[in-house]
Amino acid sequence: MTKADLVERVTAQISRTAGPMISKKDCARVVDSFLDAIKEALQEQKNIEVRGFGTFKIRHRKTRMARNPRTGSPVEVSARPVPVFKPSKELRAMVANIDIADLENEEEEYSEA
């Protein structure tokens, strides 16, 4: 799904529930503003939590050794922050097409092992 597809879907959803009150151009501005707010928060090293969806975080990777695939020589990759997304239990259950209670039971079994 592209950003244009997302704008199309959001515009259609708003039209179904509230009537044709928002243009596709305005909806594109809203989607862009939402994504910009997430980018800015991550740039400031802040976490973003959207209940029922997930959390955008910054994880700090340590310095590590890697290999140049062309020459095979070792190369040091410096430490750096990377953005990560952790989906909520509700989203994971919805994607797996299971009940959230089943997901919680799986997590309990996994943590006991």
C-alpha atoms as a PDB file:
ATOM      1  CA  MET A   1       0.000   0.000   0.000  1.00  0.00           C
ATOM      2  CA  THR A   2       1.405   3.378  -0.964  1.00  0.00           C
ATOM      3  CA  LYS A   3       0.778   6.720   0.691  1.00  0.00           C
ATOM      4  CA  ALA A   4      -1.614   7.597  -2.153  1.00  0.00           C
ATOM      5  CA  ASP A   5      -3.565   4.385  -1.447  1.00  0.00           C
ATOM      6  CA  LEU A   6      -3.667   5.301   2.239  1.00  0.00           C
ATOM      7  CA  VAL A   7      -5.010   8.782   1.443  1.00  0.00           C
ATOM      8  CA  GLU A   8      -7.634   7.220  -0.823  1.00  0.00           C
ATOM      9  CA  ARG A   9      -8.744   4.798   1.896  1.00  0.00           C
ATOM     10  CA  VAL A  10      -8.888   7.456   4.623  1.00  0.00           C
ATOM     11  CA  THR A  11     -10.871   9.796   2.362  1.00  0.00           C
ATOM     12  CA  ALA A  12     -13.321   6.983   1.529  1.00  0.00           C
ATOM     13  CA  GLN A  13     -13.703   6.057   5.210  1.00  0.00           C
ATOM     14  CA  ILE A  14     -14.422   9.656   6.219  1.00  0.00           C
ATOM     15  CA  SER A  15     -16.902  10.018   3.347  1.00  0.00           C
ATOM     16  CA  ARG A  16     -18.763   6.884   4.492  1.00  0.00           C
ATOM     17  CA  THR A  17     -19.016   7.942   8.131  1.00  0.00           C
ATOM     18  CA  ALA A  18     -19.262  11.734   8.037  1.00  0.00           C
ATOM     19  CA  GLY A  19     -20.263  12.527   4.473  1.00  0.00           C
ATOM     20  CA  PRO A  20     -18.136  14.216   1.808  1.00  0.00           C
ATOM     21  CA  MET A  21     -16.777  16.856   4.181  1.00  0.00           C
ATOM     22  CA  ILE A  22     -13.075  16.499   3.361  1.00  0.00           C
ATOM     23  CA  SER A  23     -11.348  16.656   0.021  1.00  0.00           C
ATOM     24  CA  LYS A  24      -8.667  14.218  -1.042  1.00  0.00           C
ATOM     25  CA  LYS A  25      -6.149  17.078  -0.981  1.00  0.00           C
ATOM     26  CA  ASP A  26      -7.023  17.936   2.636  1.00  0.00           C
ATOM     27  CA  CYS A  27      -6.845  14.288   3.596  1.00  0.00           C
ATOM     28  CA  ALA A  28      -3.383  14.066   2.007  1.00  0.00           C
ATOM     29  CA  ARG A  29      -2.311  17.017   4.171  1.00  0.00           C
ATOM     30  CA  VAL A  30      -3.568  15.225   7.290  1.00  0.00           C
ATOM     31  CA  VAL A  31      -1.730  12.012   6.412  1.00  0.00           C
ATOM     32  CA  ASP A  32       1.460  13.965   5.610  1.00  0.00           C
ATOM     33  CA  SER A  33       1.196  15.906   8.873  1.00  0.00           C
ATOM     34  CA  PHE A  34       0.725  12.696  10.850  1.00  0.00           C
ATOM     35  CA  LEU A  35       3.761  11.084   9.262  1.00  0.00           C
ATOM     36  CA  ASP A  36       5.829  14.268   9.727  1.00  0.00           C
ATOM     37  CA  ALA A  37       4.900  14.354  13.421  1.00  0.00           C
ATOM     38  CA  ILE A  38       6.135  10.764  13.812  1.00  0.00           C
ATOM     39  CA  LYS A  39       9.381  11.569  11.972  1.00  0.00           C
ATOM     40  CA  GLU A  40      10.027  14.663  14.079  1.00  0.00           C
ATOM     41  CA  ALA A  41       9.377  12.827  17.346  1.00  0.00           C
ATOM     42  CA  LEU A  42      11.753  10.014  16.345  1.00  0.00           C
ATOM     43  CA  GLN A  43      14.360  12.577  15.302  1.00  0.00           C
ATOM     44  CA  GLU A  44      14.087  14.045  18.814  1.00  0.00           C
ATOM     45  CA  GLN A  45      14.629  10.521  20.250  1.00  0.00           C
ATOM     46  CA  LYS A  46      11.047  10.335  21.556  1.00  0.00           C
ATOM     47  CA  ASN A  47       8.777   7.263  21.491  1.00  0.00           C
ATOM     48  CA  ILE A  48       5.325   7.409  19.903  1.00  0.00           C
ATOM     49  CA  GLU A  49       2.634   5.125  21.287  1.00  0.00           C
ATOM     50  CA  VAL A  50      -0.616   4.671  19.372  1.00  0.00           C
ATOM     51  CA  ARG A  51      -2.950   2.587  21.540  1.00  0.00           C
ATOM     52  CA  GLY A  52      -4.273  -0.467  19.748  1.00  0.00           C
ATOM     53  CA  PHE A  53      -1.731  -0.059  16.943  1.00  0.00           C
ATOM     54  CA  GLY A  54       1.800  -0.073  18.305  1.00  0.00           C
ATOM     55  CA  THR A  55       4.842   1.899  19.380  1.00  0.00           C
ATOM     56  CA  PHE A  56       7.492   3.626  17.311  1.00  0.00           C
ATOM     57  CA  LYS A  57      10.788   3.707  19.224  1.00  0.00           C
ATOM     58  CA  ILE A  58      14.435   4.535  18.786  1.00  0.00           C
ATOM     59  CA  ARG A  59      16.777   1.640  19.492  1.00  0.00           C
ATOM     60  CA  HIS A  60      20.502   2.270  19.891  1.00  0.00           C
ATOM     61  CA  ARG A  61      22.672  -0.194  17.991  1.00  0.00           C
ATOM     62  CA  LYS A  62      26.146  -0.878  19.326  1.00  0.00           C
ATOM     63  CA  THR A  63      29.337  -0.656  17.334  1.00  0.00           C
ATOM     64  CA  ARG A  64      29.939  -3.930  15.505  1.00  0.00           C
ATOM     65  CA  MET A  65      32.242  -5.551  13.005  1.00  0.00           C
ATOM     66  CA  ALA A  66      30.928  -6.383   9.535  1.00  0.00           C
ATOM     67  CA  ARG A  67      32.512  -7.523   6.281  1.00  0.00           C
ATOM     68  CA  ASN A  68      32.810  -5.752   2.975  1.00  0.00           C
ATOM     69  CA  PRO A  69      31.059  -8.209   0.637  1.00  0.00           C
ATOM     70  CA  ARG A  70      33.271  -7.277  -2.302  1.00  0.00           C
ATOM     71  CA  THR A  71      36.673  -7.620  -0.633  1.00  0.00           C
ATOM     72  CA  GLY A  72      35.857  -9.657   2.465  1.00  0.00           C
ATOM     73  CA  SER A  73      37.809  -7.246   4.645  1.00  0.00           C
ATOM     74  CA  PRO A  74      36.406  -6.404   8.101  1.00  0.00           C
ATOM     75  CA  VAL A  75      34.727  -3.016   8.472  1.00  0.00           C
ATOM     76  CA  GLU A  76      33.636  -1.352  11.709  1.00  0.00           C
ATOM     77  CA  VAL A  77      30.027  -0.177  11.698  1.00  0.00           C
ATOM     78  CA  SER A  78      29.624   2.684  14.146  1.00  0.00           C
ATOM     79  CA  ALA A  79      26.967   2.869  16.855  1.00  0.00           C
ATOM     80  CA  ARG A  80      23.808   4.616  15.761  1.00  0.00           C
ATOM     81  CA  PRO A  81      20.147   5.021  16.633  1.00  0.00           C
ATOM     82  CA  VAL A  82      17.632   3.165  14.428  1.00  0.00           C
ATOM     83  CA  PRO A  83      13.838   3.486  14.327  1.00  0.00           C
ATOM     84  CA  VAL A  84      11.834   0.367  15.206  1.00  0.00           C
ATOM     85  CA  PHE A  85       8.128  -0.461  15.367  1.00  0.00           C
ATOM     86  CA  LYS A  86       6.613  -2.785  17.946  1.00  0.00           C
ATOM     87  CA  PRO A  87       3.022  -3.752  17.149  1.00  0.00           C
ATOM     88  CA  SER A  88       0.425  -3.892  19.923  1.00  0.00           C
ATOM     89  CA  LYS A  89      -1.141  -7.144  21.073  1.00  0.00           C
ATOM     90  CA  GLU A  90      -4.374  -6.156  19.354  1.00  0.00           C
ATOM     91  CA  LEU A  91      -2.640  -5.590  16.004  1.00  0.00           C
ATOM     92  CA  ARG A  92      -0.662  -8.829  16.255  1.00  0.00           C
ATOM     93  CA  ALA A  93      -3.848 -10.767  17.040  1.00  0.00           C
ATOM     94  CA  MET A  94      -5.720  -9.117  14.166  1.00  0.00           C
ATOM     95  CA  VAL A  95      -2.941  -9.884  11.657  1.00  0.00           C
ATOM     96  CA  ALA A  96      -2.715 -13.494  12.874  1.00  0.00           C
ATOM     97  CA  ASN A  97      -6.534 -13.708  12.715  1.00  0.00           C
ATOM     98  CA  ILE A  98      -6.769 -15.016  16.285  1.00  0.00           C
ATOM     99  CA  ASP A  99      -8.488 -13.882  19.462  1.00  0.00           C
ATOM    100  CA  ILE A 100      -6.368 -11.623  21.704  1.00  0.00           C
ATOM    101  CA  ALA A 101      -6.874 -14.037  24.620  1.00  0.00           C
ATOM    102  CA  ASP A 102      -5.200 -16.779  22.540  1.00  0.00           C
ATOM    103  CA  LEU A 103      -2.255 -14.461  21.909  1.00  0.00           C
ATOM    104  CA  GLU A 104      -1.869 -13.758  25.624  1.00  0.00           C
ATOM    105  CA  ASN A 105      -1.958 -17.508  26.371  1.00  0.00           C
ATOM    106  CA  GLU A 106       0.798 -18.095  23.789  1.00  0.00           C
ATOM    107  CA  GLU A 107       2.937 -15.399  25.428  1.00  0.00           C
ATOM    108  CA  GLU A 108       2.459 -16.986  28.868  1.00  0.00           C
ATOM    109  CA  GLU A 109       3.473 -20.408  27.534  1.00  0.00           C
ATOM    110  CA  TYR A 110       6.502 -18.896  25.816  1.00  0.00           C
ATOM    111  CA  SER A 111       7.634 -17.021  28.935  1.00  0.00           C
ATOM    112  CA  GLU A 112       7.314 -20.150  31.126  1.00  0.00           C
ATOM    113  CA  ALA A 113       9.504 -22.247  28.813  1.00  0.00           C
END
